[in-house]
PDB file of N, CA and C in Angstrom:
ATOM      1  N   MET A   1       0.851  -1.172   0.000  1.00  0.00           N
ATOM      2  CA  MET A   1       0.000   0.000   0.000  1.00  0.00           C
ATOM      3  C   MET A   1       0.900   1.240   0.000  1.00  0.00           C
ATOM      4  N   SER A   2       0.555   2.190  -0.799  1.00  0.00           N
ATOM      5  CA  SER A   2       1.360   3.407  -0.895  1.00  0.00           C
ATOM      6  C   SER A   2       1.048   4.364   0.250  1.00  0.00           C
ATOM      7  N   ALA A   3       1.972   5.268   0.490  1.00  0.00           N
ATOM      8  CA  ALA A   3       1.767   6.302   1.513  1.00  0.00           C
ATOM      9  C   ALA A   3       0.565   7.165   1.148  1.00  0.00           C
ATOM     10  N   GLU A   4       0.392   7.404  -0.139  1.00  0.00           N
ATOM     11  CA  GLU A   4      -0.752   8.208  -0.582  1.00  0.00           C
ATOM     12  C   GLU A   4      -2.071   7.500  -0.275  1.00  0.00           C
ATOM     13  N   GLN A   5      -2.125   6.206  -0.535  1.00  0.00           N
ATOM     14  CA  GLN A   5      -3.340   5.450  -0.228  1.00  0.00           C
ATOM     15  C   GLN A   5      -3.602   5.439   1.273  1.00  0.00           C
ATOM     16  N   ASP A   6      -2.542   5.253   2.066  1.00  0.00           N
ATOM     17  CA  ASP A   6      -2.681   5.317   3.521  1.00  0.00           C
ATOM     18  C   ASP A   6      -3.262   6.660   3.956  1.00  0.00           C
ATOM     19  N   ALA A   7      -2.753   7.741   3.392  1.00  0.00           N
ATOM     20  CA  ALA A   7      -3.218   9.078   3.749  1.00  0.00           C
ATOM     21  C   ALA A   7      -4.685   9.269   3.363  1.00  0.00           C
ATOM     22  N   ILE A   8      -5.061   8.774   2.203  1.00  0.00           N
ATOM     23  CA  ILE A   8      -6.456   8.886   1.764  1.00  0.00           C
ATOM     24  C   ILE A   8      -7.366   8.092   2.695  1.00  0.00           C
ATOM     25  N   GLU A   9      -6.969   6.863   3.003  1.00  0.00           N
ATOM     26  CA  GLU A   9      -7.799   6.039   3.880  1.00  0.00           C
ATOM     27  C   GLU A   9      -7.887   6.637   5.282  1.00  0.00           C
ATOM     28  N   ALA A  10      -6.816   7.219   5.765  1.00  0.00           N
ATOM     29  CA  ALA A  10      -6.850   7.891   7.068  1.00  0.00           C
ATOM     30  C   ALA A  10      -7.810   9.074   7.039  1.00  0.00           C
ATOM     31  N   ALA A  11      -7.796   9.830   5.940  1.00  0.00           N
ATOM     32  CA  ALA A  11      -8.714  10.965   5.798  1.00  0.00           C
ATOM     33  C   ALA A  11     -10.162  10.491   5.751  1.00  0.00           C
ATOM     34  N   VAL A  12     -10.400   9.375   5.087  1.00  0.00           N
ATOM     35  CA  VAL A  12     -11.759   8.822   5.022  1.00  0.00           C
ATOM     36  C   VAL A  12     -12.213   8.396   6.412  1.00  0.00           C
ATOM     37  N   PHE A  13     -11.333   7.764   7.173  1.00  0.00           N
ATOM     38  CA  PHE A  13     -11.666   7.355   8.535  1.00  0.00           C
ATOM     39  C   PHE A  13     -12.005   8.570   9.392  1.00  0.00           C
ATOM     40  N   ARG A  14     -11.188   9.621   9.290  1.00  0.00           N
ATOM     41  CA  ARG A  14     -11.480  10.843  10.053  1.00  0.00           C
ATOM     42  C   ARG A  14     -12.831  11.421   9.647  1.00  0.00           C
ATOM     43  N   ARG A  15     -13.143  11.390   8.366  1.00  0.00           N
ATOM     44  CA  ARG A  15     -14.432  11.907   7.882  1.00  0.00           C
ATOM     45  C   ARG A  15     -15.581  11.049   8.409  1.00  0.00           C
ATOM     46  N   LEU A  16     -15.394   9.733   8.461  1.00  0.00           N
ATOM     47  CA  LEU A  16     -16.415   8.852   9.030  1.00  0.00           C
ATOM     48  C   LEU A  16     -16.663   9.208  10.490  1.00  0.00           C
ATOM     49  N   LEU A  17     -15.594   9.433  11.255  1.00  0.00           N
ATOM     50  CA  LEU A  17     -15.768   9.811  12.655  1.00  0.00           C
ATOM     51  C   LEU A  17     -16.484  11.150  12.782  1.00  0.00           C
ATOM     52  N   GLU A  18     -16.150  12.104  11.920  1.00  0.00           N
ATOM     53  CA  GLU A  18     -16.844  13.401  11.929  1.00  0.00           C
ATOM     54  C   GLU A  18     -18.329  13.215  11.624  1.00  0.00           C
ATOM     55  N   HIS A  19     -18.615  12.371  10.658  1.00  0.00           N
ATOM     56  CA  HIS A  19     -20.014  12.124  10.288  1.00  0.00           C
ATOM     57  C   HIS A  19     -20.771  11.485  11.454  1.00  0.00           C
ATOM     58  N   LEU A  20     -20.183  10.458  12.061  1.00  0.00           N
ATOM     59  CA  LEU A  20     -20.843   9.827  13.198  1.00  0.00           C
ATOM     60  C   LEU A  20     -21.019  10.822  14.347  1.00  0.00           C
ATOM     61  N   ASP A  21     -20.042  11.697  14.543  1.00  0.00           N
ATOM     62  CA  ASP A  21     -20.151  12.708  15.586  1.00  0.00           C
ATOM     63  C   ASP A  21     -21.294  13.675  15.306  1.00  0.00           C
ATOM     64  N   SER A  22     -21.526  13.954  14.041  1.00  0.00           N
ATOM     65  CA  SER A  22     -22.620  14.865  13.686  1.00  0.00           C
ATOM     66  C   SER A  22     -23.981  14.184  13.760  1.00  0.00           C
ATOM     67  N   ARG A  23     -23.992  12.861  13.915  1.00  0.00           N
ATOM     68  CA  ARG A  23     -25.244  12.098  13.964  1.00  0.00           C
ATOM     69  C   ARG A  23     -25.351  11.321  15.273  1.00  0.00           C
ATOM     70  N   LYS A  24     -25.209  12.054  16.364  1.00  0.00           N
ATOM     71  CA  LYS A  24     -25.324  11.416  17.673  1.00  0.00           C
ATOM     72  C   LYS A  24     -26.719  10.858  17.896  1.00  0.00           C
ATOM     73  N   ASP A  25     -27.684  11.320  17.098  1.00  0.00           N
ATOM     74  CA  ASP A  25     -29.043  10.804  17.197  1.00  0.00           C
ATOM     75  C   ASP A  25     -29.150   9.365  16.702  1.00  0.00           C
ATOM     76  N   VAL A  26     -28.199   8.935  15.899  1.00  0.00           N
ATOM     77  CA  VAL A  26     -28.203   7.568  15.399  1.00  0.00           C
ATOM     78  C   VAL A  26     -27.574   6.673  16.464  1.00  0.00           C
ATOM     79  N   GLN A  27     -28.370   5.773  16.967  1.00  0.00           N
ATOM     80  CA  GLN A  27     -27.925   4.894  18.045  1.00  0.00           C
ATOM     81  C   GLN A  27     -27.096   3.736  17.487  1.00  0.00           C
ATOM     82  N   ASN A  28     -26.209   3.213  18.327  1.00  0.00           N
ATOM     83  CA  ASN A  28     -25.385   2.080  17.916  1.00  0.00           C
ATOM     84  C   ASN A  28     -26.226   0.894  17.480  1.00  0.00           C
ATOM     85  N   ILE A  29     -27.320   0.638  18.177  1.00  0.00           N
ATOM     86  CA  ILE A  29     -28.157  -0.509  17.820  1.00  0.00           C
ATOM     87  C   ILE A  29     -28.732  -0.329  16.412  1.00  0.00           C
ATOM     88  N   GLU A  30     -29.029   0.907  16.036  1.00  0.00           N
ATOM     89  CA  GLU A  30     -29.521   1.174  14.681  1.00  0.00           C
ATOM     90  C   GLU A  30     -28.425   0.919  13.650  1.00  0.00           C
ATOM     91  N   LEU A  31     -27.200   1.340  13.961  1.00  0.00           N
ATOM     92  CA  LEU A  31     -26.080   1.067  13.059  1.00  0.00           C
ATOM     93  C   LEU A  31     -25.887  -0.436  12.900  1.00  0.00           C
ATOM     94  N   MET A  32     -25.959  -1.170  14.005  1.00  0.00           N
ATOM     95  CA  MET A  32     -25.787  -2.622  13.945  1.00  0.00           C
ATOM     96  C   MET A  32     -26.881  -3.264  13.096  1.00  0.00           C
ATOM     97  N   GLU A  33     -28.116  -2.813  13.266  1.00  0.00           N
ATOM     98  CA  GLU A  33     -29.230  -3.376  12.506  1.00  0.00           C
ATOM     99  C   GLU A  33     -29.038  -3.172  11.005  1.00  0.00           C
ATOM    100  N   LEU A  34     -28.636  -1.971  10.627  1.00  0.00           N
ATOM    101  CA  LEU A  34     -28.574  -1.618   9.208  1.00  0.00           C
ATOM    102  C   LEU A  34     -27.240  -1.922   8.548  1.00  0.00           C
ATOM    103  N   ALA A  35     -26.145  -1.718   9.275  1.00  0.00           N
ATOM    104  CA  ALA A  35     -24.832  -1.825   8.646  1.00  0.00           C
ATOM    105  C   ALA A  35     -23.993  -2.994   9.166  1.00  0.00           C
ATOM    106  N   GLY A  36     -24.389  -3.569  10.290  1.00  0.00           N
ATOM    107  CA  GLY A  36     -23.631  -4.684  10.837  1.00  0.00           C
ATOM    108  C   GLY A  36     -22.404  -4.271  11.623  1.00  0.00           C
ATOM    109  N   PHE A  37     -22.273  -2.984  11.911  1.00  0.00           N
ATOM    110  CA  PHE A  37     -21.192  -2.495  12.766  1.00  0.00           C
ATOM    111  C   PHE A  37     -21.676  -1.228  13.451  1.00  0.00           C
ATOM    112  N   CYS A  38     -20.957  -0.856  14.513  1.00  0.00           N
ATOM    113  CA  CYS A  38     -21.317   0.360  15.250  1.00  0.00           C
ATOM    114  C   CYS A  38     -20.043   1.046  15.720  1.00  0.00           C
ATOM    115  N   ARG A  39     -20.207   2.062  16.516  1.00  0.00           N
ATOM    116  CA  ARG A  39     -19.062   2.806  17.038  1.00  0.00           C
ATOM    117  C   ARG A  39     -18.151   1.909  17.880  1.00  0.00           C
ATOM    118  N   ASN A  40     -18.751   0.987  18.630  1.00  0.00           N
ATOM    119  CA  ASN A  40     -17.943   0.072  19.440  1.00  0.00           C
ATOM    120  C   ASN A  40     -17.128  -0.867  18.555  1.00  0.00           C
ATOM    121  N   CYS A  41     -17.705  -1.309  17.440  1.00  0.00           N
ATOM    122  CA  CYS A  41     -16.956  -2.144  16.500  1.00  0.00           C
ATOM    123  C   CYS A  41     -15.758  -1.370  15.971  1.00  0.00           C
ATOM    124  N   LEU A  42     -15.973  -0.110  15.592  1.00  0.00           N
ATOM    125  CA  LEU A  42     -14.857   0.712  15.108  1.00  0.00           C
ATOM    126  C   LEU A  42     -13.765   0.808  16.166  1.00  0.00           C
ATOM    127  N   SER A  43     -14.173   0.936  17.418  1.00  0.00           N
ATOM    128  CA  SER A  43     -13.203   1.022  18.507  1.00  0.00           C
ATOM    129  C   SER A  43     -12.383  -0.263  18.614  1.00  0.00           C
ATOM    130  N   LYS A  44     -13.057  -1.399  18.498  1.00  0.00           N
ATOM    131  CA  LYS A  44     -12.354  -2.684  18.552  1.00  0.00           C
ATOM    132  C   LYS A  44     -11.420  -2.832  17.360  1.00  0.00           C
ATOM    133  N   TRP A  45     -11.861  -2.429  16.184  1.00  0.00           N
ATOM    134  CA  TRP A  45     -11.015  -2.501  14.986  1.00  0.00           C
ATOM    135  C   TRP A  45      -9.791  -1.599  15.145  1.00  0.00           C
ATOM    136  N   TYR A  46      -9.983  -0.448  15.794  1.00  0.00           N
ATOM    137  CA  TYR A  46      -8.887   0.486  16.046  1.00  0.00           C
ATOM    138  C   TYR A  46      -7.821  -0.179  16.922  1.00  0.00           C
ATOM    139  N   VAL A  47      -8.278  -0.835  17.995  1.00  0.00           N
ATOM    140  CA  VAL A  47      -7.349  -1.533  18.894  1.00  0.00           C
ATOM    141  C   VAL A  47      -6.598  -2.616  18.129  1.00  0.00           C
ATOM    142  N   THR A  48      -7.310  -3.396  17.341  1.00  0.00           N
ATOM    143  CA  THR A  48      -6.685  -4.477  16.580  1.00  0.00           C
ATOM    144  C   THR A  48      -5.647  -3.945  15.600  1.00  0.00           C
ATOM    145  N   ALA A  49      -6.001  -2.881  14.874  1.00  0.00           N
ATOM    146  CA  ALA A  49      -5.067  -2.291  13.906  1.00  0.00           C
ATOM    147  C   ALA A  49      -3.823  -1.764  14.609  1.00  0.00           C
ATOM    148  N   ALA A  50      -4.006  -1.161  15.775  1.00  0.00           N
ATOM    149  CA  ALA A  50      -2.859  -0.651  16.533  1.00  0.00           C
ATOM    150  C   ALA A  50      -1.969  -1.812  16.973  1.00  0.00           C
ATOM    151  N   GLU A  51      -2.585  -2.862  17.508  1.00  0.00           N
ATOM    152  CA  GLU A  51      -1.820  -4.020  17.960  1.00  0.00           C
ATOM    153  C   GLU A  51      -1.030  -4.650  16.813  1.00  0.00           C
ATOM    154  N   GLU A  52      -1.638  -4.717  15.629  1.00  0.00           N
ATOM    155  CA  GLU A  52      -0.955  -5.282  14.466  1.00  0.00           C
ATOM    156  C   GLU A  52       0.287  -4.486  14.085  1.00  0.00           C
ATOM    157  N   ARG A  53       0.338  -3.229  14.509  1.00  0.00           N
ATOM    158  CA  ARG A  53       1.468  -2.365  14.209  1.00  0.00           C
ATOM    159  C   ARG A  53       2.379  -2.177  15.412  1.00  0.00           C
ATOM    160  N   GLY A  54       2.130  -2.974  16.466  1.00  0.00           N
ATOM    161  CA  GLY A  54       2.976  -2.913  17.652  1.00  0.00           C
ATOM    162  C   GLY A  54       2.721  -1.708  18.534  1.00  0.00           C
ATOM    163  N   VAL A  55       1.548  -1.096  18.396  1.00  0.00           N
ATOM    164  CA  VAL A  55       1.189   0.076  19.197  1.00  0.00           C
ATOM    165  C   VAL A  55       0.124  -0.355  20.200  1.00  0.00           C
ATOM    166  N   GLU A  56       0.352  -0.010  21.451  1.00  0.00           N
ATOM    167  CA  GLU A  56      -0.605  -0.384  22.488  1.00  0.00           C
ATOM    168  C   GLU A  56      -1.668   0.707  22.635  1.00  0.00           C
ATOM    169  N   VAL A  57      -2.889   0.337  22.387  1.00  0.00           N
ATOM    170  CA  VAL A  57      -4.039   1.227  22.580  1.00  0.00           C
ATOM    171  C   VAL A  57      -5.088   0.406  23.319  1.00  0.00           C
ATOM    172  N   ASP A  58      -5.539   0.901  24.463  1.00  0.00           N
ATOM    173  CA  ASP A  58      -6.568   0.147  25.164  1.00  0.00           C
ATOM    174  C   ASP A  58      -7.947   0.480  24.589  1.00  0.00           C
ATOM    175  N   TYR A  59      -8.894  -0.389  24.865  1.00  0.00           N
ATOM    176  CA  TYR A  59     -10.243  -0.268  24.308  1.00  0.00           C
ATOM    177  C   TYR A  59     -10.898   1.057  24.686  1.00  0.00           C
ATOM    178  N   GLU A  60     -10.757   1.464  25.933  1.00  0.00           N
ATOM    179  CA  GLU A  60     -11.377   2.729  26.352  1.00  0.00           C
ATOM    180  C   GLU A  60     -10.742   3.918  25.635  1.00  0.00           C
ATOM    181  N   GLY A  61      -9.436   3.863  25.410  1.00  0.00           N
ATOM    182  CA  GLY A  61      -8.768   4.922  24.642  1.00  0.00           C
ATOM    183  C   GLY A  61      -9.263   4.959  23.206  1.00  0.00           C
ATOM    184  N   ALA A  62      -9.458   3.782  22.632  1.00  0.00           N
ATOM    185  CA  ALA A  62      -9.982   3.713  21.261  1.00  0.00           C
ATOM    186  C   ALA A  62     -11.416   4.231  21.214  1.00  0.00           C
ATOM    187  N   ARG A  63     -12.207   3.879  22.209  1.00  0.00           N
ATOM    188  CA  ARG A  63     -13.581   4.384  22.259  1.00  0.00           C
ATOM    189  C   ARG A  63     -13.597   5.908  22.334  1.00  0.00           C
ATOM    190  N   GLU A  64     -12.716   6.459  23.141  1.00  0.00           N
ATOM    191  CA  GLU A  64     -12.666   7.919  23.255  1.00  0.00           C
ATOM    192  C   GLU A  64     -12.309   8.549  21.910  1.00  0.00           C
ATOM    193  N   ARG A  65     -11.424   7.921  21.169  1.00  0.00           N
ATOM    194  CA  ARG A  65     -11.075   8.419  19.826  1.00  0.00           C
ATOM    195  C   ARG A  65     -12.280   8.367  18.898  1.00  0.00           C
ATOM    196  N   VAL A  66     -13.016   7.269  18.931  1.00  0.00           N
ATOM    197  CA  VAL A  66     -14.172   7.093  18.040  1.00  0.00           C
ATOM    198  C   VAL A  66     -15.345   7.966  18.465  1.00  0.00           C
ATOM    199  N   TYR A  67     -15.626   8.002  19.754  1.00  0.00           N
ATOM    200  CA  TYR A  67     -16.774   8.764  20.252  1.00  0.00           C
ATOM    201  C   TYR A  67     -16.480  10.256  20.412  1.00  0.00           C
ATOM    202  N   GLY A  68     -15.204  10.628  20.458  1.00  0.00           N
ATOM    203  CA  GLY A  68     -14.846  12.026  20.631  1.00  0.00           C
ATOM    204  C   GLY A  68     -14.928  12.488  22.075  1.00  0.00           C
ATOM    205  N   MET A  69     -15.132  11.558  22.981  1.00  0.00           N
ATOM    206  CA  MET A  69     -15.232  11.835  24.417  1.00  0.00           C
ATOM    207  C   MET A  69     -15.217  10.488  25.130  1.00  0.00           C
ATOM    208  N   PRO A  70     -15.034  10.483  26.438  1.00  0.00           N
ATOM    209  CA  PRO A  70     -15.134   9.201  27.145  1.00  0.00           C
ATOM    210  C   PRO A  70     -16.493   8.552  26.879  1.00  0.00           C
ATOM    211  N   TYR A  71     -16.463   7.244  26.692  1.00  0.00           N
ATOM    212  CA  TYR A  71     -17.695   6.522  26.352  1.00  0.00           C
ATOM    213  C   TYR A  71     -18.793   6.742  27.384  1.00  0.00           C
ATOM    214  N   ALA A  72     -18.442   6.729  28.659  1.00  0.00           N
ATOM    215  CA  ALA A  72     -19.451   6.923  29.710  1.00  0.00           C
ATOM    216  C   ALA A  72     -20.165   8.263  29.540  1.00  0.00           C
ATOM    217  N   ASP A  73     -19.426   9.300  29.156  1.00  0.00           N
ATOM    218  CA  ASP A  73     -20.035  10.614  28.930  1.00  0.00           C
ATOM    219  C   ASP A  73     -20.966  10.572  27.727  1.00  0.00           C
ATOM    220  N   TRP A  74     -20.504   9.948  26.627  1.00  0.00           N
ATOM    221  CA  TRP A  74     -21.338   9.850  25.419  1.00  0.00           C
ATOM    222  C   TRP A  74     -22.617   9.086  25.730  1.00  0.00           C
ATOM    223  N   LYS A  75     -22.462   7.971  26.425  1.00  0.00           N
ATOM    224  CA  LYS A  75     -23.620   7.139  26.762  1.00  0.00           C
ATOM    225  C   LYS A  75     -24.625   7.922  27.611  1.00  0.00           C
ATOM    226  N   ALA A  76     -24.146   8.650  28.599  1.00  0.00           N
ATOM    227  CA  ALA A  76     -25.038   9.422  29.476  1.00  0.00           C
ATOM    228  C   ALA A  76     -25.737  10.544  28.717  1.00  0.00           C
ATOM    229  N   GLN A  77     -25.050  11.156  27.755  1.00  0.00           N
ATOM    230  CA  GLN A  77     -25.612  12.297  27.047  1.00  0.00           C
ATOM    231  C   GLN A  77     -26.473  11.916  25.840  1.00  0.00           C
ATOM    232  N   TYR A  78     -26.121  10.829  25.151  1.00  0.00           N
ATOM    233  CA  TYR A  78     -26.734  10.579  23.849  1.00  0.00           C
ATOM    234  C   TYR A  78     -27.415   9.229  23.671  1.00  0.00           C
ATOM    235  N   GLN A  79     -27.055   8.246  24.472  1.00  0.00           N
ATOM    236  CA  GLN A  79     -27.640   6.925  24.255  1.00  0.00           C
ATOM    237  C   GLN A  79     -29.029   6.855  24.850  1.00  0.00           C
ATOM    238  N   THR A  80     -29.952   6.317  24.074  1.00  0.00           N
ATOM    239  CA  THR A  80     -31.317   6.123  24.543  1.00  0.00           C
ATOM    240  C   THR A  80     -31.549   4.639  24.791  1.00  0.00           C
ATOM    241  N   GLU A  81     -32.596   4.341  25.511  1.00  0.00           N
ATOM    242  CA  GLU A  81     -32.960   2.951  25.770  1.00  0.00           C
ATOM    243  C   GLU A  81     -33.465   2.319  24.470  1.00  0.00           C
ATOM    244  N   ALA A  82     -32.979   1.141  24.165  1.00  0.00           N
ATOM    245  CA  ALA A  82     -33.416   0.443  22.954  1.00  0.00           C
ATOM    246  C   ALA A  82     -34.873   0.008  23.104  1.00  0.00           C
ATOM    247  N   THR A  83     -35.589   0.142  22.016  1.00  0.00           N
ATOM    248  CA  THR A  83     -36.990  -0.302  22.013  1.00  0.00           C
ATOM    249  C   THR A  83     -37.042  -1.817  21.836  1.00  0.00           C
ATOM    250  N   PRO A  84     -38.154  -2.436  22.193  1.00  0.00           N
ATOM    251  CA  PRO A  84     -38.286  -3.877  21.951  1.00  0.00           C
ATOM    252  C   PRO A  84     -38.104  -4.226  20.465  1.00  0.00           C
ATOM    253  N   GLU A  85     -38.579  -3.361  19.584  1.00  0.00           N
ATOM    254  CA  GLU A  85     -38.428  -3.589  18.145  1.00  0.00           C
ATOM    255  C   GLU A  85     -36.961  -3.551  17.729  1.00  0.00           C
ATOM    256  N   GLN A  86     -36.215  -2.592  18.274  1.00  0.00           N
ATOM    257  CA  GLN A  86     -34.786  -2.497  17.964  1.00  0.00           C
ATOM    258  C   GLN A  86     -34.035  -3.728  18.464  1.00  0.00           C
ATOM    259  N   LEU A  87     -34.353  -4.158  19.660  1.00  0.00           N
ATOM    260  CA  LEU A  87     -33.689  -5.338  20.217  1.00  0.00           C
ATOM    261  C   LEU A  87     -33.994  -6.584  19.380  1.00  0.00           C
ATOM    262  N   ALA A  88     -35.244  -6.728  18.954  1.00  0.00           N
ATOM    263  CA  ALA A  88     -35.611  -7.879  18.125  1.00  0.00           C
ATOM    264  C   ALA A  88     -34.885  -7.847  16.788  1.00  0.00           C
ATOM    265  N   ALA A  89     -34.820  -6.682  16.164  1.00  0.00           N
ATOM    266  CA  ALA A  89     -34.116  -6.553  14.884  1.00  0.00           C
ATOM    267  C   ALA A  89     -32.623  -6.807  15.063  1.00  0.00           C
ATOM    268  N   PHE A  90     -32.071  -6.333  16.161  1.00  0.00           N
ATOM    269  CA  PHE A  90     -30.657  -6.553  16.444  1.00  0.00           C
ATOM    270  C   PHE A  90     -30.368  -8.047  16.562  1.00  0.00           C
ATOM    271  N   GLU A  91     -31.184  -8.752  17.310  1.00  0.00           N
ATOM    272  CA  GLU A  91     -30.971 -10.191  17.489  1.00  0.00           C
ATOM    273  C   GLU A  91     -31.124 -10.937  16.166  1.00  0.00           C
ATOM    274  N   LYS A  92     -32.042 -10.491  15.341  1.00  0.00           N
ATOM    275  CA  LYS A  92     -32.273 -11.141  14.042  1.00  0.00           C
ATOM    276  C   LYS A  92     -31.073 -10.988  13.123  1.00  0.00           C
ATOM    277  N   HIS A  93     -30.417  -9.827  13.162  1.00  0.00           N
ATOM    278  CA  HIS A  93     -29.331  -9.516  12.234  1.00  0.00           C
ATOM    279  C   HIS A  93     -27.962  -9.513  12.892  1.00  0.00           C
ATOM    280  N   ARG A  94     -27.880 -10.008  14.087  1.00  0.00           N
ATOM    281  CA  ARG A  94     -26.614  -9.987  14.847  1.00  0.00           C
ATOM    282  C   ARG A  94     -25.485 -10.589  14.015  1.00  0.00           C
ATOM    283  N   THR A  95     -24.364  -9.861  13.964  1.00  0.00           N
ATOM    284  CA  THR A  95     -23.237 -10.290  13.125  1.00  0.00           C
ATOM    285  C   THR A  95     -22.073 -10.850  13.927  1.00  0.00           C
ATOM    286  N   GLY A  96     -22.155 -10.825  15.229  1.00  0.00           N
ATOM    287  CA  GLY A  96     -21.060 -11.349  16.027  1.00  0.00           C
ATOM    288  C   GLY A  96     -19.973 -10.334  16.329  1.00  0.00           C
ATOM    289  N   HIS A  97     -20.165  -9.094  15.956  1.00  0.00           N
ATOM    290  CA  HIS A  97     -19.177  -8.061  16.271  1.00  0.00           C
ATOM    291  C   HIS A  97     -19.343  -7.680  17.710  1.00  0.00           C
TER     292      HIS A  97
END
């Protein structure tokens, strides 16, 4: 992979985080239902990618990078209780992430 491709992909990742930050109304369970991944999945992927490169990043640090704040703060401010319909759809489409 070229340095240019790395830079482009990094810019796309930053743009994805900006987009998710602008859509705090979209709940993780909704992302999981529709796309098969959520902010927590991105956080786990971040940790894995760092580990593959010999960089230590803990899960909470990765979550803070993805959420733009400590997860507990994001959850308290923006997360709503899942509806029974959302939970049923989540279980139906669960991807194992």
